[in-house]
PDB file of N, CA and C in Angstrom:
ATOM      1  N   MET A   1     125.125 110.882  93.416  1.00  0.00           N
ATOM      2  CA  MET A   1     124.548 110.134  94.528  1.00  0.00           C
ATOM      3  C   MET A   1     123.098 109.793  94.198  1.00  0.00           C
ATOM      4  N   SER A   2     122.738 108.537  94.348  1.00  0.00           N
ATOM      5  CA  SER A   2     121.393 108.079  94.038  1.00  0.00           C
ATOM      6  C   SER A   2     120.466 108.328  95.220  1.00  0.00           C
ATOM      7  N   THR A   3     119.246 108.757  94.917  1.00  0.00           N
ATOM      8  CA  THR A   3     118.272 109.017  95.981  1.00  0.00           C
ATOM      9  C   THR A   3     117.495 107.764  96.341  1.00  0.00           C
ATOM     10  N   GLY A   4     117.586 106.718  95.512  1.00  0.00           N
ATOM     11  CA  GLY A   4     116.852 105.492  95.779  1.00  0.00           C
ATOM     12  C   GLY A   4     115.405 105.554  95.312  1.00  0.00           C
ATOM     13  N   ILE A   5     114.981 106.681  94.785  1.00  0.00           N
ATOM     14  CA  ILE A   5     113.610 106.810  94.310  1.00  0.00           C
ATOM     15  C   ILE A   5     113.569 106.437  92.835  1.00  0.00           C
ATOM     16  N   ARG A   6     112.697 105.500  92.515  1.00  0.00           N
ATOM     17  CA  ARG A   6     112.557 105.070  91.130  1.00  0.00           C
ATOM     18  C   ARG A   6     111.300 105.670  90.546  1.00  0.00           C
ATOM     19  N   ARG A   7     111.389 106.103  89.318  1.00  0.00           N
ATOM     20  CA  ARG A   7     110.195 106.619  88.648  1.00  0.00           C
ATOM     21  C   ARG A   7     109.284 105.456  88.306  1.00  0.00           C
ATOM     22  N   SER A   8     107.999 105.723  88.303  1.00  0.00           N
ATOM     23  CA  SER A   8     107.061 104.659  87.974  1.00  0.00           C
ATOM     24  C   SER A   8     107.023 104.473  86.459  1.00  0.00           C
ATOM     25  N   SER A   9     106.664 103.270  86.065  1.00  0.00           N
ATOM     26  CA  SER A   9     106.504 102.982  84.648  1.00  0.00           C
ATOM     27  C   SER A   9     105.079 102.514  84.377  1.00  0.00           C
ATOM     28  N   CYS A  10     104.163 102.927  85.221  1.00  0.00           N
ATOM     29  CA  CYS A  10     102.754 102.555  85.110  1.00  0.00           C
ATOM     30  C   CYS A  10     102.147 103.231  83.890  1.00  0.00           C
ATOM     31  N   GLU A  11     101.696 102.431  82.928  1.00  0.00           N
ATOM     32  CA  GLU A  11     101.127 103.020  81.719  1.00  0.00           C
ATOM     33  C   GLU A  11     100.125 102.091  81.055  1.00  0.00           C
ATOM     34  N   VAL A  12      99.378 102.657  80.121  1.00  0.00           N
ATOM     35  CA  VAL A  12      98.365 101.903  79.389  1.00  0.00           C
ATOM     36  C   VAL A  12      99.058 100.963  78.403  1.00  0.00           C
ATOM     37  N   GLN A  13      98.612  99.720  78.407  1.00  0.00           N
ATOM     38  CA  GLN A  13      99.062  98.728  77.438  1.00  0.00           C
ATOM     39  C   GLN A  13      97.866  98.438  76.532  1.00  0.00           C
ATOM     40  N   LYS A  14      98.093  98.379  75.236  1.00  0.00           N
ATOM     41  CA  LYS A  14      96.997  98.125  74.291  1.00  0.00           C
ATOM     42  C   LYS A  14      97.207  96.799  73.590  1.00  0.00           C
ATOM     43  N   ASN A  15      96.098  96.099  73.383  1.00  0.00           N
ATOM     44  CA  ASN A  15      96.120  94.804  72.728  1.00  0.00           C
ATOM     45  C   ASN A  15      94.927  94.732  71.784  1.00  0.00           C
ATOM     46  N   SER A  16      95.113  94.136  70.646  1.00  0.00           N
ATOM     47  CA  SER A  16      94.035  93.998  69.676  1.00  0.00           C
ATOM     48  C   SER A  16      93.640  92.526  69.593  1.00  0.00           C
ATOM     49  N   THR A  17      92.369  92.256  69.855  1.00  0.00           N
ATOM     50  CA  THR A  17      91.895  90.870  69.875  1.00  0.00           C
ATOM     51  C   THR A  17      90.407  90.813  69.548  1.00  0.00           C
ATOM     52  N   LYS A  18      89.930  89.630  69.185  1.00  0.00           N
ATOM     53  CA  LYS A  18      88.491  89.448  68.996  1.00  0.00           C
ATOM     54  C   LYS A  18      87.871  89.356  70.383  1.00  0.00           C
ATOM     55  N   LEU A  19      86.827  90.114  70.612  1.00  0.00           N
ATOM     56  CA  LEU A  19      86.159  90.133  71.909  1.00  0.00           C
ATOM     57  C   LEU A  19      85.081  89.060  71.926  1.00  0.00           C
ATOM     58  N   THR A  20      85.091  88.215  72.954  1.00  0.00           N
ATOM     59  CA  THR A  20      84.118  87.133  73.101  1.00  0.00           C
ATOM     60  C   THR A  20      83.352  87.317  74.398  1.00  0.00           C
ATOM     61  N   TYR A  21      82.027  87.176  74.325  1.00  0.00           N
ATOM     62  CA  TYR A  21      81.174  87.285  75.504  1.00  0.00           C
ATOM     63  C   TYR A  21      80.005  86.327  75.350  1.00  0.00           C
ATOM     64  N   ASN A  22      79.860  85.408  76.294  1.00  0.00           N
ATOM     65  CA  ASN A  22      78.780  84.408  76.277  1.00  0.00           C
ATOM     66  C   ASN A  22      78.691  83.670  74.940  1.00  0.00           C
ATOM     67  N   GLY A  23      79.833  83.329  74.377  1.00  0.00           N
ATOM     68  CA  GLY A  23      79.856  82.575  73.121  1.00  0.00           C
ATOM     69  C   GLY A  23      79.727  83.436  71.873  1.00  0.00           C
ATOM     70  N   CYS A  24      79.415  84.719  72.039  1.00  0.00           N
ATOM     71  CA  CYS A  24      79.289  85.640  70.909  1.00  0.00           C
ATOM     72  C   CYS A  24      80.641  86.319  70.697  1.00  0.00           C
ATOM     73  N   VAL A  25      80.985  86.614  69.443  1.00  0.00           N
ATOM     74  CA  VAL A  25      82.313  87.137  69.145  1.00  0.00           C
ATOM     75  C   VAL A  25      82.227  88.324  68.183  1.00  0.00           C
ATOM     76  N   SER A  26      83.169  89.256  68.338  1.00  0.00           N
ATOM     77  CA  SER A  26      83.223  90.408  67.435  1.00  0.00           C
ATOM     78  C   SER A  26      83.726  89.952  66.075  1.00  0.00           C
ATOM     79  N   SER A  27      83.273  90.603  65.018  1.00  0.00           N
ATOM     80  CA  SER A  27      83.689  90.213  63.672  1.00  0.00           C
ATOM     81  C   SER A  27      85.098  90.709  63.363  1.00  0.00           C
ATOM     82  N   GLU A  28      85.520  91.763  64.043  1.00  0.00           N
ATOM     83  CA  GLU A  28      86.857  92.317  63.840  1.00  0.00           C
ATOM     84  C   GLU A  28      87.596  92.399  65.168  1.00  0.00           C
ATOM     85  N   ASN A  29      88.910  92.583  65.089  1.00  0.00           N
ATOM     86  CA  ASN A  29      89.696  92.772  66.303  1.00  0.00           C
ATOM     87  C   ASN A  29      89.301  94.081  66.973  1.00  0.00           C
ATOM     88  N   ILE A  30      89.229  94.061  68.297  1.00  0.00           N
ATOM     89  CA  ILE A  30      88.860  95.214  69.107  1.00  0.00           C
ATOM     90  C   ILE A  30      90.068  95.599  69.955  1.00  0.00           C
ATOM     91  N   GLU A  31      90.315  96.904  70.111  1.00  0.00           N
ATOM     92  CA  GLU A  31      91.413  97.346  70.970  1.00  0.00           C
ATOM     93  C   GLU A  31      90.984  97.273  72.434  1.00  0.00           C
ATOM     94  N   ILE A  32      91.715  96.463  73.191  1.00  0.00           N
ATOM     95  CA  ILE A  32      91.489  96.296  74.625  1.00  0.00           C
ATOM     96  C   ILE A  32      92.687  96.915  75.334  1.00  0.00           C
ATOM     97  N   SER A  33      92.459  97.574  76.447  1.00  0.00           N
ATOM     98  CA  SER A  33      93.564  98.206  77.166  1.00  0.00           C
ATOM     99  C   SER A  33      93.653  97.681  78.595  1.00  0.00           C
ATOM    100  N   SER A  34      94.838  97.813  79.167  1.00  0.00           N
ATOM    101  CA  SER A  34      95.082  97.413  80.550  1.00  0.00           C
ATOM    102  C   SER A  34      96.155  98.334  81.124  1.00  0.00           C
ATOM    103  N   CYS A  35      96.327  98.270  82.428  1.00  0.00           N
ATOM    104  CA  CYS A  35      97.399  99.025  83.089  1.00  0.00           C
ATOM    105  C   CYS A  35      98.493  98.036  83.471  1.00  0.00           C
ATOM    106  N   ALA A  36      99.730  98.437  83.239  1.00  0.00           N
ATOM    107  CA  ALA A  36     100.854  97.582  83.601  1.00  0.00           C
ATOM    108  C   ALA A  36     102.066  98.445  83.901  1.00  0.00           C
ATOM    109  N   GLY A  37     102.938  97.917  84.731  1.00  0.00           N
ATOM    110  CA  GLY A  37     104.165  98.628  85.063  1.00  0.00           C
ATOM    111  C   GLY A  37     104.398  98.637  86.550  1.00  0.00           C
ATOM    112  N   SER A  38     105.495  99.232  86.941  1.00  0.00           N
ATOM    113  CA  SER A  38     105.849  99.249  88.359  1.00  0.00           C
ATOM    114  C   SER A  38     105.609 100.624  88.957  1.00  0.00           C
ATOM    115  N   CYS A  39     105.335 100.604  90.243  1.00  0.00           N
ATOM    116  CA  CYS A  39     105.126 101.832  91.007  1.00  0.00           C
ATOM    117  C   CYS A  39     106.043 101.773  92.224  1.00  0.00           C
ATOM    118  N   GLY A  40     106.193 102.879  92.897  1.00  0.00           N
ATOM    119  CA  GLY A  40     107.086 102.938  94.050  1.00  0.00           C
ATOM    120  C   GLY A  40     106.622 102.081  95.202  1.00  0.00           C
ATOM    121  N   THR A  41     107.480 101.194  95.657  1.00  0.00           N
ATOM    122  CA  THR A  41     107.233 100.360  96.816  1.00  0.00           C
ATOM    123  C   THR A  41     108.529 100.310  97.614  1.00  0.00           C
ATOM    124  N   SER A  42     108.438 100.493  98.936  1.00  0.00           N
ATOM    125  CA  SER A  42     109.666 100.490  99.726  1.00  0.00           C
ATOM    126  C   SER A  42     109.404 100.062 101.158  1.00  0.00           C
ATOM    127  N   SER A  43     110.470  99.663 101.808  1.00  0.00           N
ATOM    128  CA  SER A  43     110.486  99.385 103.252  1.00  0.00           C
ATOM    129  C   SER A  43     111.641 100.183 103.819  1.00  0.00           C
ATOM    130  N   ILE A  44     111.399 100.925 104.893  1.00  0.00           N
ATOM    131  CA  ILE A  44     112.459 101.728 105.493  1.00  0.00           C
ATOM    132  C   ILE A  44     112.317 101.669 107.012  1.00  0.00           C
ATOM    133  N   TYR A  45     113.432 101.587 107.695  1.00  0.00           N
ATOM    134  CA  TYR A  45     113.424 101.505 109.152  1.00  0.00           C
ATOM    135  C   TYR A  45     113.096 102.866 109.752  1.00  0.00           C
ATOM    136  N   SER A  46     112.183 102.878 110.728  1.00  0.00           N
ATOM    137  CA  SER A  46     111.833 104.080 111.470  1.00  0.00           C
ATOM    138  C   SER A  46     112.331 103.905 112.899  1.00  0.00           C
ATOM    139  N   ALA A  47     113.312 104.747 113.295  1.00  0.00           N
ATOM    140  CA  ALA A  47     113.835 104.682 114.655  1.00  0.00           C
ATOM    141  C   ALA A  47     112.750 105.054 115.662  1.00  0.00           C
ATOM    142  N   GLU A  48     111.917 106.021 115.307  1.00  0.00           N
ATOM    143  CA  GLU A  48     110.851 106.476 116.204  1.00  0.00           C
ATOM    144  C   GLU A  48     109.880 105.352 116.533  1.00  0.00           C
ATOM    145  N   ALA A  49     109.504 104.577 115.514  1.00  0.00           N
ATOM    146  CA  ALA A  49     108.561 103.476 115.725  1.00  0.00           C
ATOM    147  C   ALA A  49     109.265 102.161 116.028  1.00  0.00           C
ATOM    148  N   ASN A  50     110.581 102.125 115.879  1.00  0.00           N
ATOM    149  CA  ASN A  50     111.364 100.903 116.010  1.00  0.00           C
ATOM    150  C   ASN A  50     110.741  99.782 115.186  1.00  0.00           C
ATOM    151  N   ALA A  51     110.406 100.122 113.955  1.00  0.00           N
ATOM    152  CA  ALA A  51     109.755  99.173 113.052  1.00  0.00           C
ATOM    153  C   ALA A  51     110.061  99.567 111.614  1.00  0.00           C
ATOM    154  N   LEU A  52     109.726  98.662 110.730  1.00  0.00           N
ATOM    155  CA  LEU A  52     109.855  98.970 109.316  1.00  0.00           C
ATOM    156  C   LEU A  52     108.571  99.615 108.826  1.00  0.00           C
ATOM    157  N   LYS A  53     108.700 100.717 108.127  1.00  0.00           N
ATOM    158  CA  LYS A  53     107.550 101.395 107.526  1.00  0.00           C
ATOM    159  C   LYS A  53     107.504 101.004 106.062  1.00  0.00           C
ATOM    160  N   HIS A  54     106.335 100.633 105.605  1.00  0.00           N
ATOM    161  CA  HIS A  54     106.171 100.214 104.225  1.00  0.00           C
ATOM    162  C   HIS A  54     105.389 101.258 103.439  1.00  0.00           C
ATOM    163  N   SER A  55     105.801 101.454 102.228  1.00  0.00           N
ATOM    164  CA  SER A  55     105.104 102.346 101.311  1.00  0.00           C
ATOM    165  C   SER A  55     104.826 101.550 100.041  1.00  0.00           C
ATOM    166  N   CYS A  56     103.558 101.435  99.683  1.00  0.00           N
ATOM    167  CA  CYS A  56     103.187 100.618  98.526  1.00  0.00           C
ATOM    168  C   CYS A  56     102.233 101.377  97.614  1.00  0.00           C
ATOM    169  N   SER A  57     102.349 101.121  96.341  1.00  0.00           N
ATOM    170  CA  SER A  57     101.371 101.634  95.390  1.00  0.00           C
ATOM    171  C   SER A  57     101.274 100.652  94.234  1.00  0.00           C
ATOM    172  N   CYS A  58     100.127 100.646  93.576  1.00  0.00           N
ATOM    173  CA  CYS A  58      99.947  99.728  92.463  1.00  0.00           C
ATOM    174  C   CYS A  58      99.435 100.475  91.241  1.00  0.00           C
ATOM    175  N   CYS A  59      99.700  99.900  90.097  1.00  0.00           N
ATOM    176  CA  CYS A  59      99.347 100.494  88.806  1.00  0.00           C
ATOM    177  C   CYS A  59      97.883 100.174  88.504  1.00  0.00           C
ATOM    178  N   GLN A  60      97.035 101.220  88.467  1.00  0.00           N
ATOM    179  CA  GLN A  60      95.600 101.040  88.236  1.00  0.00           C
ATOM    180  C   GLN A  60      95.084 102.085  87.260  1.00  0.00           C
ATOM    181  N   GLU A  61      93.867 101.842  86.794  1.00  0.00           N
ATOM    182  CA  GLU A  61      93.234 102.783  85.873  1.00  0.00           C
ATOM    183  C   GLU A  61      92.953 104.122  86.558  1.00  0.00           C
ATOM    184  N   LYS A  62      93.112 105.202  85.796  1.00  0.00           N
ATOM    185  CA  LYS A  62      92.780 106.545  86.285  1.00  0.00           C
ATOM    186  C   LYS A  62      91.518 107.034  85.586  1.00  0.00           C
ATOM    187  N   ALA A  63      91.474 106.878  84.269  1.00  0.00           N
ATOM    188  CA  ALA A  63      90.309 107.301  83.491  1.00  0.00           C
ATOM    189  C   ALA A  63      89.893 106.165  82.562  1.00  0.00           C
ATOM    190  N   THR A  64      88.587 105.920  82.518  1.00  0.00           N
ATOM    191  CA  THR A  64      88.044 104.872  81.649  1.00  0.00           C
ATOM    192  C   THR A  64      86.864 105.419  80.850  1.00  0.00           C
ATOM    193  N   GLN A  65      86.473 104.675  79.864  1.00  0.00           N
ATOM    194  CA  GLN A  65      85.258 105.005  79.132  1.00  0.00           C
ATOM    195  C   GLN A  65      84.561 103.704  78.754  1.00  0.00           C
ATOM    196  N   GLU A  66      83.257 103.787  78.615  1.00  0.00           N
ATOM    197  CA  GLU A  66      82.488 102.625  78.188  1.00  0.00           C
ATOM    198  C   GLU A  66      82.445 102.618  76.667  1.00  0.00           C
ATOM    199  N   ARG A  67      82.785 101.488  76.097  1.00  0.00           N
ATOM    200  CA  ARG A  67      82.712 101.332  74.640  1.00  0.00           C
ATOM    201  C   ARG A  67      81.743 100.218  74.325  1.00  0.00           C
ATOM    202  N   LYS A  68      81.185 100.282  73.129  1.00  0.00           N
ATOM    203  CA  LYS A  68      80.223  99.265  72.691  1.00  0.00           C
ATOM    204  C   LYS A  68      80.754  98.592  71.435  1.00  0.00           C
ATOM    205  N   VAL A  69      80.445  97.297  71.322  1.00  0.00           N
ATOM    206  CA  VAL A  69      80.874  96.526  70.156  1.00  0.00           C
ATOM    207  C   VAL A  69      79.748  95.577  69.767  1.00  0.00           C
ATOM    208  N   LEU A  70      79.606  95.340  68.485  1.00  0.00           N
ATOM    209  CA  LEU A  70      78.583  94.424  67.973  1.00  0.00           C
ATOM    210  C   LEU A  70      79.193  93.021  67.919  1.00  0.00           C
ATOM    211  N   LEU A  71      78.516  92.063  68.564  1.00  0.00           N
ATOM    212  CA  LEU A  71      78.982  90.680  68.592  1.00  0.00           C
ATOM    213  C   LEU A  71      78.011  89.792  67.837  1.00  0.00           C
ATOM    214  N   THR A  72      78.548  88.773  67.174  1.00  0.00           N
ATOM    215  CA  THR A  72      77.718  87.798  66.463  1.00  0.00           C
ATOM    216  C   THR A  72      77.725  86.508  67.267  1.00  0.00           C
ATOM    217  N   CYS A  73      76.523  85.996  67.539  1.00  0.00           N
ATOM    218  CA  CYS A  73      76.363  84.793  68.349  1.00  0.00           C
ATOM    219  C   CYS A  73      76.315  83.553  67.457  1.00  0.00           C
ATOM    220  N   PRO A  74      76.541  82.357  68.042  1.00  0.00           N
ATOM    221  CA  PRO A  74      76.547  81.118  67.265  1.00  0.00           C
ATOM    222  C   PRO A  74      75.251  80.879  66.471  1.00  0.00           C
ATOM    223  N   ASN A  75      74.116  81.372  66.975  1.00  0.00           N
ATOM    224  CA  ASN A  75      72.835  81.170  66.277  1.00  0.00           C
ATOM    225  C   ASN A  75      72.603  82.221  65.184  1.00  0.00           C
ATOM    226  N   GLY A  76      73.599  83.118  64.982  1.00  0.00           N
ATOM    227  CA  GLY A  76      73.495  84.131  63.926  1.00  0.00           C
ATOM    228  C   GLY A  76      72.943  85.469  64.398  1.00  0.00           C
ATOM    229  N   SER A  77      72.405  85.508  65.618  1.00  0.00           N
ATOM    230  CA  SER A  77      71.882  86.781  66.130  1.00  0.00           C
ATOM    231  C   SER A  77      73.042  87.709  66.490  1.00  0.00           C
ATOM    232  N   LYS A  78      72.735  88.987  66.574  1.00  0.00           N
ATOM    233  CA  LYS A  78      73.752  89.979  66.922  1.00  0.00           C
ATOM    234  C   LYS A  78      73.329  90.695  68.204  1.00  0.00           C
ATOM    235  N   ILE A  79      74.313  90.956  69.063  1.00  0.00           N
ATOM    236  CA  ILE A  79      74.045  91.689  70.296  1.00  0.00           C
ATOM    237  C   ILE A  79      75.073  92.810  70.429  1.00  0.00           C
ATOM    238  N   THR A  80      74.660  93.869  71.122  1.00  0.00           N
ATOM    239  CA  THR A  80      75.597  94.941  71.435  1.00  0.00           C
ATOM    240  C   THR A  80      76.121  94.690  72.839  1.00  0.00           C
ATOM    241  N   HIS A  81      77.438  94.696  72.961  1.00  0.00           N
ATOM    242  CA  HIS A  81      78.081  94.440  74.253  1.00  0.00           C
ATOM    243  C   HIS A  81      78.884  95.667  74.663  1.00  0.00           C
ATOM    244  N   SER A  82      78.766  96.070  75.929  1.00  0.00           N
ATOM    245  CA  SER A  82      79.536  97.199  76.466  1.00  0.00           C
ATOM    246  C   SER A  82      80.736  96.658  77.220  1.00  0.00           C
ATOM    247  N   TYR A  83      81.882  97.314  77.065  1.00  0.00           N
ATOM    248  CA  TYR A  83      83.074  96.943  77.813  1.00  0.00           C
ATOM    249  C   TYR A  83      83.799  98.207  78.266  1.00  0.00           C
ATOM    250  N   ILE A  84      84.670  98.061  79.253  1.00  0.00           N
ATOM    251  CA  ILE A  84      85.388  99.208  79.814  1.00  0.00           C
ATOM    252  C   ILE A  84      86.755  99.318  79.151  1.00  0.00           C
ATOM    253  N   TYR A  85      87.031 100.485  78.615  1.00  0.00           N
ATOM    254  CA  TYR A  85      88.305 100.776  77.971  1.00  0.00           C
ATOM    255  C   TYR A  85      89.098 101.720  78.879  1.00  0.00           C
ATOM    256  N   ILE A  86      90.323 101.366  79.201  1.00  0.00           N
ATOM    257  CA  ILE A  86      91.178 102.194  80.064  1.00  0.00           C
ATOM    258  C   ILE A  86      91.880 103.237  79.212  1.00  0.00           C
ATOM    259  N   GLU A  87      91.696 104.499  79.564  1.00  0.00           N
ATOM    260  CA  GLU A  87      92.333 105.592  78.831  1.00  0.00           C
ATOM    261  C   GLU A  87      93.681 105.974  79.431  1.00  0.00           C
ATOM    262  N   THR A  88      93.744 106.082  80.772  1.00  0.00           N
ATOM    263  CA  THR A  88      94.995 106.437  81.438  1.00  0.00           C
ATOM    264  C   THR A  88      95.156 105.614  82.711  1.00  0.00           C
ATOM    265  N   CYS A  89      96.416 105.457  83.121  1.00  0.00           N
ATOM    266  CA  CYS A  89      96.758 104.700  84.331  1.00  0.00           C
ATOM    267  C   CYS A  89      97.622 105.569  85.233  1.00  0.00           C
ATOM    268  N   GLU A  90      97.630 105.228  86.523  1.00  0.00           N
ATOM    269  CA  GLU A  90      98.522 105.909  87.466  1.00  0.00           C
ATOM    270  C   GLU A  90      98.746 105.007  88.667  1.00  0.00           C
ATOM    271  N   CYS A  91      99.738 105.375  89.462  1.00  0.00           N
ATOM    272  CA  CYS A  91     100.039 104.630  90.686  1.00  0.00           C
ATOM    273  C   CYS A  91      99.098 105.095  91.793  1.00  0.00           C
ATOM    274  N   HIS A  92      98.418 104.143  92.445  1.00  0.00           N
ATOM    275  CA  HIS A  92      97.521 104.431  93.568  1.00  0.00           C
ATOM    276  C   HIS A  92      98.144 103.878  94.835  1.00  0.00           C
ATOM    277  N   VAL A  93      98.159 104.672  95.896  1.00  0.00           N
ATOM    278  CA  VAL A  93      98.699 104.216  97.174  1.00  0.00           C
ATOM    279  C   VAL A  93      97.778 103.136  97.734  1.00  0.00           C
ATOM    280  N   THR A  94      98.384 102.059  98.213  1.00  0.00           N
ATOM    281  CA  THR A  94      97.628 100.959  98.809  1.00  0.00           C
ATOM    282  C   THR A  94      98.211 100.621 100.173  1.00  0.00           C
ATOM    283  N   ASP A  95      97.486  99.834 100.942  1.00  0.00           N
ATOM    284  CA  ASP A  95      97.934  99.412 102.263  1.00  0.00           C
ATOM    285  C   ASP A  95      98.721  98.123 102.111  1.00  0.00           C
ATOM    286  N   CYS A  96     100.035  98.179 102.366  1.00  0.00           N
ATOM    287  CA  CYS A  96     100.884  96.985 102.219  1.00  0.00           C
ATOM    288  C   CYS A  96     100.455  95.908 103.203  1.00  0.00           C
ATOM    289  N   ASP A  97     100.482  96.251 104.491  1.00  0.00           N
ATOM    290  CA  ASP A  97     100.106  95.318 105.555  1.00  0.00           C
ATOM    291  C   ASP A  97      99.958  96.095 106.856  1.00  0.00           C
ATOM    292  N   ALA A  98      99.086  97.035 106.868  1.00  0.00           N
ATOM    293  CA  ALA A  98      98.817  97.898 108.020  1.00  0.00           C
ATOM    294  C   ALA A  98      99.939  98.900 108.268  1.00  0.00           C
ATOM    295  N   GLY A  99     100.858  99.065 107.311  1.00  0.00           N
ATOM    296  CA  GLY A  99     101.823 100.148 107.373  1.00  0.00           C
ATOM    297  C   GLY A  99     103.135  99.904 108.062  1.00  0.00           C
ATOM    298  N   SER A 100     103.223  98.929 108.954  1.00  0.00           N
ATOM    299  CA  SER A 100     104.510  98.681 109.610  1.00  0.00           C
ATOM    300  C   SER A 100     104.551  97.262 110.135  1.00  0.00           C
ATOM    301  N   THR A 101     105.758  96.821 110.463  1.00  0.00           N
ATOM    302  CA  THR A 101     105.930  95.498 111.054  1.00  0.00           C
ATOM    303  C   THR A 101     106.135  95.660 112.544  1.00  0.00           C
ATOM    304  N   PRO A 102     105.914  94.594 113.307  1.00  0.00           N
ATOM    305  CA  PRO A 102     106.184  94.681 114.741  1.00  0.00           C
ATOM    306  C   PRO A 102     107.660  94.958 114.969  1.00  0.00           C
ATOM    307  N   SER A 103     108.018  95.259 116.193  1.00  0.00           N
ATOM    308  CA  SER A 103     109.418  95.522 116.528  1.00  0.00           C
ATOM    309  C   SER A 103     110.312  94.435 115.958  1.00  0.00           C
ATOM    310  N   LEU A 104     111.521  94.811 115.657  1.00  0.00           N
ATOM    311  CA  LEU A 104     112.466  93.870 115.064  1.00  0.00           C
ATOM    312  C   LEU A 104     112.631  92.643 115.937  1.00  0.00           C
ATOM    313  N   LYS A 105     112.614  91.487 115.296  1.00  0.00           N
ATOM    314  CA  LYS A 105     112.804  90.236 116.022  1.00  0.00           C
ATOM    315  C   LYS A 105     114.243  89.799 115.843  1.00  0.00           C
ATOM    316  N   GLN A 106     114.780  89.186 116.886  1.00  0.00           N
ATOM    317  CA  GLN A 106     116.145  88.685 116.778  1.00  0.00           C
ATOM    318  C   GLN A 106     116.131  87.408 115.956  1.00  0.00           C
ATOM    319  N   ARG A 107     117.162  87.263 115.134  1.00  0.00           N
ATOM    320  CA  ARG A 107     117.292  86.058 114.333  1.00  0.00           C
ATOM    321  C   ARG A 107     117.839  84.933 115.217  1.00  0.00           C
ATOM    322  N   ARG A 108     117.367  83.749 114.971  1.00  0.00           N
ATOM    323  CA  ARG A 108     117.925  82.591 115.664  1.00  0.00           C
ATOM    324  C   ARG A 108     119.258  82.253 115.021  1.00  0.00           C
ATOM    325  N   ARG A 109     120.199  81.960 115.830  1.00  0.00           N
ATOM    326  CA  ARG A 109     121.517  81.573 115.327  1.00  0.00           C
ATOM    327  C   ARG A 109     121.640  80.054 115.410  1.00  0.00           C
ATOM    328  N   ARG A 110     122.210  79.497 114.346  1.00  0.00           N
ATOM    329  CA  ARG A 110     122.467  78.061 114.364  1.00  0.00           C
ATOM    330  C   ARG A 110     123.671  77.794 115.231  1.00  0.00           C
ATOM    331  N   ARG A 111     123.607  76.748 115.967  1.00  0.00           N
ATOM    332  CA  ARG A 111     124.733  76.372 116.838  1.00  0.00           C
ATOM    333  C   ARG A 111     125.405  75.136 116.333  1.00  0.00           C
TER     334      ARG A 111
END
């Protein structure tokens, strides 16, 4: 028997790319990270409230660190640029739409 609960797949995604900032670019590819995946989201009827209760969460960063990279600008100058690197991700509870819908509305029937 299925419980209907799905495990989250929220995790760090890594990508290697040249970092560009204000026209200046890194000489080598830099590892950039992001959070991606699904988290538990549901709607369930509450007899007590006579409404649908919503539960939502989104995949967001849990731990980050500041990293620095040397960029070369079009005029040949070099600058140090700081960027945020995501180390870990997790599901964070969010407000779907104030938590519930108004009482159930009757559907219009076509005649």
